[in-house]
Amino acid sequence: MRHSMGDGRPAIVYPRGGDIYEVSRFRRKPWAWRRLTWALQNASTVVCASEAMEGLVREIAGAHPARLTRIPNGVNLEELREDAAASRFAKDPTMTRPFVLGLGRTIRRKGFHMLIEAFEQVAAPAWRLVIAGEGRELEALREQAKALGDRVVFTGLVQGADKRWLLQNCQFMAAPSLEESFGNVALEAMACGRPVIASRASGFAEIVRDGENGRLVEVGSVEGLARVIGEFASCDLGELAAAARRTAEAFSWRSIAGRYVDLIRELQASK
């Protein structure tokens, strides 16, 4: 059995999207990239959170990847559903309108620039777009959104009760990523009973079922994104919300942790 530790103990490698995407900092460092590639070829098993991630690992590892095991990421259902009354947003008068939530790092591949452009096309003046997160594109996004005035709200990084409040109180989430290895934010929204509009970017398409618990739009399609946001802003989302909540149940950390326990026992037994 292959392993990545000199003493023969089984080793599990879990690559993150940011580690192996084309934009990964490791790709710009030949020594680090060689080590990462070696790990993907020699680990006891490489755990991939999605089919998309598995494809990337096969591409990088070449003809001799390590054993690949598919285990999705989990979500802490209990924590996300805790009371959020202590949030700073609970008494914020700017948060009383219905809003669509964009949540994540404000970097180019998350597609928030397209979300702002799409939201500008939606004829729903009573609605707001809330973008929660920080990153190197934040100032550029603020500048882009100036024409929309107070219809776009930037909260900065959110955690704890603030993050829960936004997830629990948005009408739906929009996640138009250009590339996504899994899509944890979609599961977090679904855990709170919120449907998700997502791009067909890799991992999202494995969570969001079009027309059942949310909607999928083509990667990079501002027009498609605007159209579905407009539809969601003017229709009853009750059935989609209920299905979204059911979807999240299958990804509870209790369930996912059990799969890791089974994997570790299997590796131990095969030593």
Protein backbone atom coordinates (compact mmCIF):
# COMPACT_ATOMS: atom_id res chain seq x y z
CA MET A 1 0.00 0.00 0.00
CA ARG A 2 1.35 3.42 -0.90
CA HIS A 3 1.77 6.01 1.80
CA SER A 4 3.28 9.49 2.20
CA MET A 5 5.03 8.97 5.53
CA GLY A 6 8.39 7.37 5.99
CA ASP A 7 7.30 5.15 8.87
CA GLY A 8 4.67 3.30 6.85
CA ARG A 9 1.61 4.72 8.55
CA PRO A 10 -1.40 5.29 6.25
CA ALA A 11 -1.77 8.91 5.17
CA ILE A 12 -4.87 10.63 3.83
CA VAL A 13 -4.48 13.71 1.63
CA TYR A 14 -7.34 16.17 1.25
CA PRO A 15 -6.65 18.79 -1.45
CA ARG A 16 -8.52 22.09 -1.38
CA GLY A 17 -9.54 23.85 -4.57
CA GLY A 18 -7.29 26.81 -3.87
CA ASP A 19 -4.34 24.42 -3.60
CA ILE A 20 -4.65 22.94 -7.07
CA TYR A 21 -6.62 25.34 -9.28
CA GLU A 22 -4.82 27.04 -12.17
CA VAL A 23 -4.51 30.13 -9.93
CA SER A 24 -2.94 28.18 -7.07
CA ARG A 25 0.13 29.78 -5.53
CA PHE A 26 1.71 26.31 -5.43
CA ARG A 27 1.78 26.15 -9.22
CA ARG A 28 4.10 29.15 -9.24
CA LYS A 29 6.58 27.41 -6.93
CA PRO A 30 8.15 24.41 -8.72
CA TRP A 31 9.48 22.76 -5.54
CA ALA A 32 6.11 23.04 -3.75
CA TRP A 33 4.23 21.84 -6.81
CA ARG A 34 6.46 18.77 -7.14
CA ARG A 35 5.82 17.93 -3.48
CA LEU A 36 2.08 18.37 -3.89
CA THR A 37 2.03 16.20 -7.02
CA TRP A 38 4.08 13.52 -5.24
CA ALA A 39 1.60 13.52 -2.34
CA LEU A 40 -1.33 13.06 -4.74
CA GLN A 41 0.47 10.09 -6.29
CA ASN A 42 1.69 8.40 -3.11
CA ALA A 43 -0.86 8.92 -0.35
CA SER A 44 -2.80 5.95 0.98
CA THR A 45 -5.86 7.72 -0.39
CA VAL A 46 -6.77 11.17 -1.65
CA VAL A 47 -10.16 12.35 -0.44
CA CYS A 48 -11.99 14.42 -3.04
CA ALA A 49 -15.02 16.47 -2.01
CA SER A 50 -16.56 16.40 -5.48
CA GLU A 51 -16.38 14.84 -8.92
CA ALA A 52 -14.81 18.07 -10.16
CA MET A 53 -12.03 17.83 -7.58
CA GLU A 54 -11.44 14.20 -8.49
CA GLY A 55 -10.96 15.21 -12.12
CA LEU A 56 -8.40 17.83 -11.16
CA VAL A 57 -6.46 15.36 -9.02
CA ARG A 58 -6.35 12.84 -11.89
CA GLU A 59 -5.12 15.54 -14.23
CA ILE A 60 -2.32 16.62 -11.88
CA ALA A 61 -1.24 13.17 -10.72
CA GLY A 62 -1.06 11.84 -14.28
CA ALA A 63 -1.09 8.12 -15.02
CA HIS A 64 -0.49 7.04 -11.43
CA PRO A 65 -2.75 8.84 -8.96
CA ALA A 66 -3.16 7.48 -5.47
CA ARG A 67 -6.40 5.75 -4.61
CA LEU A 68 -9.21 8.32 -4.79
CA THR A 69 -12.11 8.40 -2.34
CA ARG A 70 -15.15 10.66 -2.73
CA ILE A 71 -16.36 12.18 0.54
CA PRO A 72 -18.18 15.54 0.36
CA ASN A 73 -17.72 18.34 2.83
CA GLY A 74 -20.10 18.56 5.75
CA VAL A 75 -22.14 21.31 7.33
CA ASN A 76 -22.84 22.03 11.00
CA LEU A 77 -26.64 22.04 10.93
CA GLU A 78 -27.11 22.69 14.63
CA GLU A 79 -24.79 25.69 14.74
CA LEU A 80 -26.22 27.32 11.61
CA ARG A 81 -29.74 27.00 12.98
CA GLU A 82 -28.97 28.50 16.38
CA ASP A 83 -30.67 31.74 17.39
CA ALA A 84 -29.09 34.80 15.76
CA ALA A 85 -30.87 37.53 17.73
CA ALA A 86 -27.52 38.82 19.05
CA SER A 87 -26.41 39.77 15.54
CA ARG A 88 -25.64 43.41 14.77
CA PHE A 89 -27.98 43.05 11.79
CA ALA A 90 -31.03 42.12 13.87
CA LYS A 91 -31.77 45.78 14.69
CA ASP A 92 -30.19 47.36 11.61
CA PRO A 93 -32.83 49.37 9.72
CA THR A 94 -30.96 48.90 6.44
CA MET A 95 -31.62 45.14 6.68
CA THR A 96 -35.41 45.29 6.82
CA ARG A 97 -35.92 44.95 3.07
CA PRO A 98 -35.95 41.52 1.39
CA PHE A 99 -32.46 40.68 0.21
CA VAL A 100 -30.44 38.23 -1.83
CA LEU A 101 -27.19 37.12 -0.22
CA GLY A 102 -23.75 36.70 -1.75
CA LEU A 103 -21.34 35.13 0.74
CA GLY A 104 -17.65 34.35 0.42
CA ARG A 105 -14.23 35.77 -0.30
CA THR A 106 -14.41 38.79 -2.56
CA ILE A 107 -12.04 37.42 -5.18
CA ARG A 108 -12.56 37.32 -8.93
CA ARG A 109 -13.44 33.65 -9.30
CA LYS A 110 -16.37 33.99 -6.87
CA GLY A 111 -18.17 36.04 -9.52
CA PHE A 112 -19.51 38.85 -7.31
CA HIS A 113 -18.80 41.36 -10.09
CA MET A 114 -21.29 39.47 -12.24
CA LEU A 115 -23.78 39.31 -9.37
CA ILE A 116 -23.75 43.10 -9.05
CA GLU A 117 -24.14 43.50 -12.81
CA ALA A 118 -27.04 41.04 -12.84
CA PHE A 119 -28.74 42.62 -9.84
CA GLU A 120 -28.65 46.00 -11.58
CA GLN A 121 -30.78 44.49 -14.35
CA VAL A 122 -33.46 43.17 -12.00
CA ALA A 123 -36.62 45.28 -11.74
CA ALA A 124 -37.08 44.86 -7.98
CA PRO A 125 -36.45 48.26 -6.36
CA ALA A 126 -37.59 47.07 -2.92
CA TRP A 127 -34.86 44.42 -2.82
CA ARG A 128 -31.28 44.67 -1.68
CA LEU A 129 -28.18 42.70 -2.55
CA VAL A 130 -26.02 41.92 0.49
CA ILE A 131 -22.43 40.86 -0.17
CA ALA A 132 -20.72 39.43 2.90
CA GLY A 133 -16.99 38.78 2.84
CA GLU A 134 -13.63 40.38 2.32
CA GLY A 135 -10.79 39.97 -0.15
CA ARG A 136 -8.65 41.74 -2.71
CA GLU A 137 -11.58 42.60 -5.02
CA LEU A 138 -13.68 44.28 -2.31
CA GLU A 139 -12.85 47.88 -3.20
CA ALA A 140 -13.40 47.24 -6.90
CA LEU A 141 -16.79 45.75 -6.10
CA ARG A 142 -17.71 48.76 -3.96
CA GLU A 143 -16.81 51.04 -6.84
CA GLN A 144 -18.84 48.95 -9.27
CA ALA A 145 -21.89 49.07 -7.00
CA LYS A 146 -21.89 52.85 -6.42
CA ALA A 147 -24.50 53.42 -9.14
CA LEU A 148 -26.94 51.22 -7.20
CA GLY A 149 -26.69 53.32 -4.04
CA ASP A 150 -28.10 51.66 -0.95
CA ARG A 151 -29.50 48.74 -2.93
CA VAL A 152 -26.14 46.98 -2.45
CA VAL A 153 -24.80 46.47 1.07
CA PHE A 154 -21.27 45.28 1.87
CA THR A 155 -20.92 43.84 5.37
CA GLY A 156 -17.28 42.79 5.35
CA LEU A 157 -16.28 39.50 6.97
CA VAL A 158 -19.08 37.88 8.96
CA GLN A 159 -18.89 35.16 11.59
CA GLY A 160 -20.97 33.66 14.36
CA ALA A 161 -24.38 35.22 14.94
CA ASP A 162 -23.89 37.75 12.12
CA LYS A 163 -23.29 35.03 9.55
CA ARG A 164 -26.22 32.98 10.87
CA TRP A 165 -28.53 35.98 10.75
CA LEU A 166 -27.74 36.66 7.10
CA LEU A 167 -28.22 33.02 6.15
CA GLN A 168 -31.45 32.72 8.11
CA ASN A 169 -32.95 35.99 6.89
CA CYS A 170 -32.01 36.25 3.24
CA GLN A 171 -34.71 35.21 0.79
CA PHE A 172 -32.21 33.19 -1.20
CA MET A 173 -28.48 32.98 -1.95
CA ALA A 174 -26.76 33.70 -5.26
CA ALA A 175 -23.39 32.02 -5.90
CA PRO A 176 -22.15 32.71 -9.46
CA SER A 177 -18.61 31.35 -9.09
CA LEU A 178 -16.47 30.91 -12.18
CA GLU A 179 -14.83 27.90 -10.52
CA GLU A 180 -15.77 26.03 -7.35
CA SER A 181 -14.40 22.76 -6.00
CA PHE A 182 -17.37 22.02 -3.77
CA GLY A 183 -19.59 24.91 -2.67
CA ASN A 184 -19.88 24.98 1.12
CA VAL A 185 -21.78 28.27 1.08
CA ALA A 186 -24.61 26.62 -0.84
CA LEU A 187 -24.95 23.96 1.85
CA GLU A 188 -24.87 26.60 4.59
CA ALA A 189 -27.76 28.45 2.97
CA MET A 190 -29.68 25.23 2.43
CA ALA A 191 -29.20 24.26 6.07
CA CYS A 192 -31.15 27.43 6.90
CA GLY A 193 -33.87 26.57 4.41
CA ARG A 194 -32.75 28.98 1.73
CA PRO A 195 -32.69 27.99 -1.95
CA VAL A 196 -29.58 28.80 -3.99
CA ILE A 197 -29.01 30.22 -7.45
CA ALA A 198 -25.60 28.93 -8.50
CA SER A 199 -23.47 28.69 -11.59
CA ARG A 200 -22.85 25.26 -13.07
CA ALA A 201 -19.25 25.58 -11.89
CA SER A 202 -18.06 22.14 -10.86
CA GLY A 203 -18.96 21.55 -7.21
CA PHE A 204 -22.13 23.64 -7.12
CA ALA A 205 -23.73 21.52 -9.81
CA GLU A 206 -23.32 18.48 -7.55
CA ILE A 207 -25.33 20.10 -4.73
CA VAL A 208 -27.88 22.38 -6.38
CA ARG A 209 -30.53 20.46 -8.29
CA ASP A 210 -32.02 22.74 -10.89
CA GLY A 211 -35.68 23.48 -10.20
CA GLU A 212 -35.73 21.34 -7.04
CA ASN A 213 -33.70 23.09 -4.32
CA GLY A 214 -32.48 26.05 -6.36
CA ARG A 215 -31.52 26.97 -9.88
CA LEU A 216 -28.40 26.57 -11.98
CA VAL A 217 -27.22 29.11 -14.54
CA GLU A 218 -24.42 28.87 -17.05
CA VAL A 219 -20.98 29.91 -15.84
CA GLY A 220 -20.38 33.56 -16.67
CA SER A 221 -23.95 34.26 -17.80
CA VAL A 222 -24.99 37.61 -16.34
CA GLU A 223 -28.22 37.51 -18.34
CA GLY A 224 -29.15 34.07 -17.00
CA LEU A 225 -28.32 35.14 -13.46
CA ALA A 226 -30.43 38.31 -13.74
CA ARG A 227 -33.36 36.38 -15.16
CA VAL A 228 -33.45 33.84 -12.32
CA ILE A 229 -32.92 36.46 -9.61
CA GLY A 230 -35.91 38.30 -11.05
CA GLU A 231 -37.98 35.11 -11.00
CA PHE A 232 -37.01 34.32 -7.40
CA ALA A 233 -37.77 37.87 -6.29
CA SER A 234 -41.34 37.58 -7.55
CA CYS A 235 -42.45 34.03 -6.72
CA ASP A 236 -43.17 31.79 -3.74
CA LEU A 237 -40.00 29.91 -2.82
CA GLY A 238 -41.62 27.64 -0.23
CA GLU A 239 -41.16 24.32 -2.04
CA LEU A 240 -37.60 25.13 -3.08
CA ALA A 241 -36.79 26.18 0.49
CA ALA A 242 -38.14 22.94 1.96
CA ALA A 243 -36.17 20.87 -0.55
CA ALA A 244 -33.03 22.89 0.18
CA ARG A 245 -33.34 22.12 3.88
CA ARG A 246 -33.77 18.40 3.15
CA THR A 247 -30.69 18.44 0.92
CA ALA A 248 -28.53 19.85 3.72
CA GLU A 249 -29.59 17.06 6.10
CA ALA A 250 -27.64 14.53 4.03
CA PHE A 251 -24.45 16.55 4.55
CA SER A 252 -24.52 16.83 8.34
CA TRP A 253 -21.09 16.49 9.93
CA ARG A 254 -22.35 13.50 11.88
CA SER A 255 -22.97 11.67 8.61
CA ILE A 256 -19.77 12.84 6.92
CA ALA A 257 -17.61 12.09 9.96
CA GLY A 258 -18.94 8.52 9.92
CA ARG A 259 -17.61 8.10 6.39
CA TYR A 260 -14.15 9.25 7.49
CA VAL A 261 -14.22 6.81 10.41
CA ASP A 262 -15.07 3.98 8.01
CA LEU A 263 -12.23 5.01 5.71
CA ILE A 264 -9.68 5.12 8.52
CA ARG A 265 -10.75 1.69 9.77
CA GLU A 266 -10.44 0.29 6.27
CA LEU A 267 -6.93 1.71 5.87
CA GLN A 268 -5.87 0.37 9.24
CA ALA A 269 -7.19 -3.08 8.39
CA SER A 270 -5.26 -3.16 5.12
CA LYS A 271 -1.85 -2.37 6.66
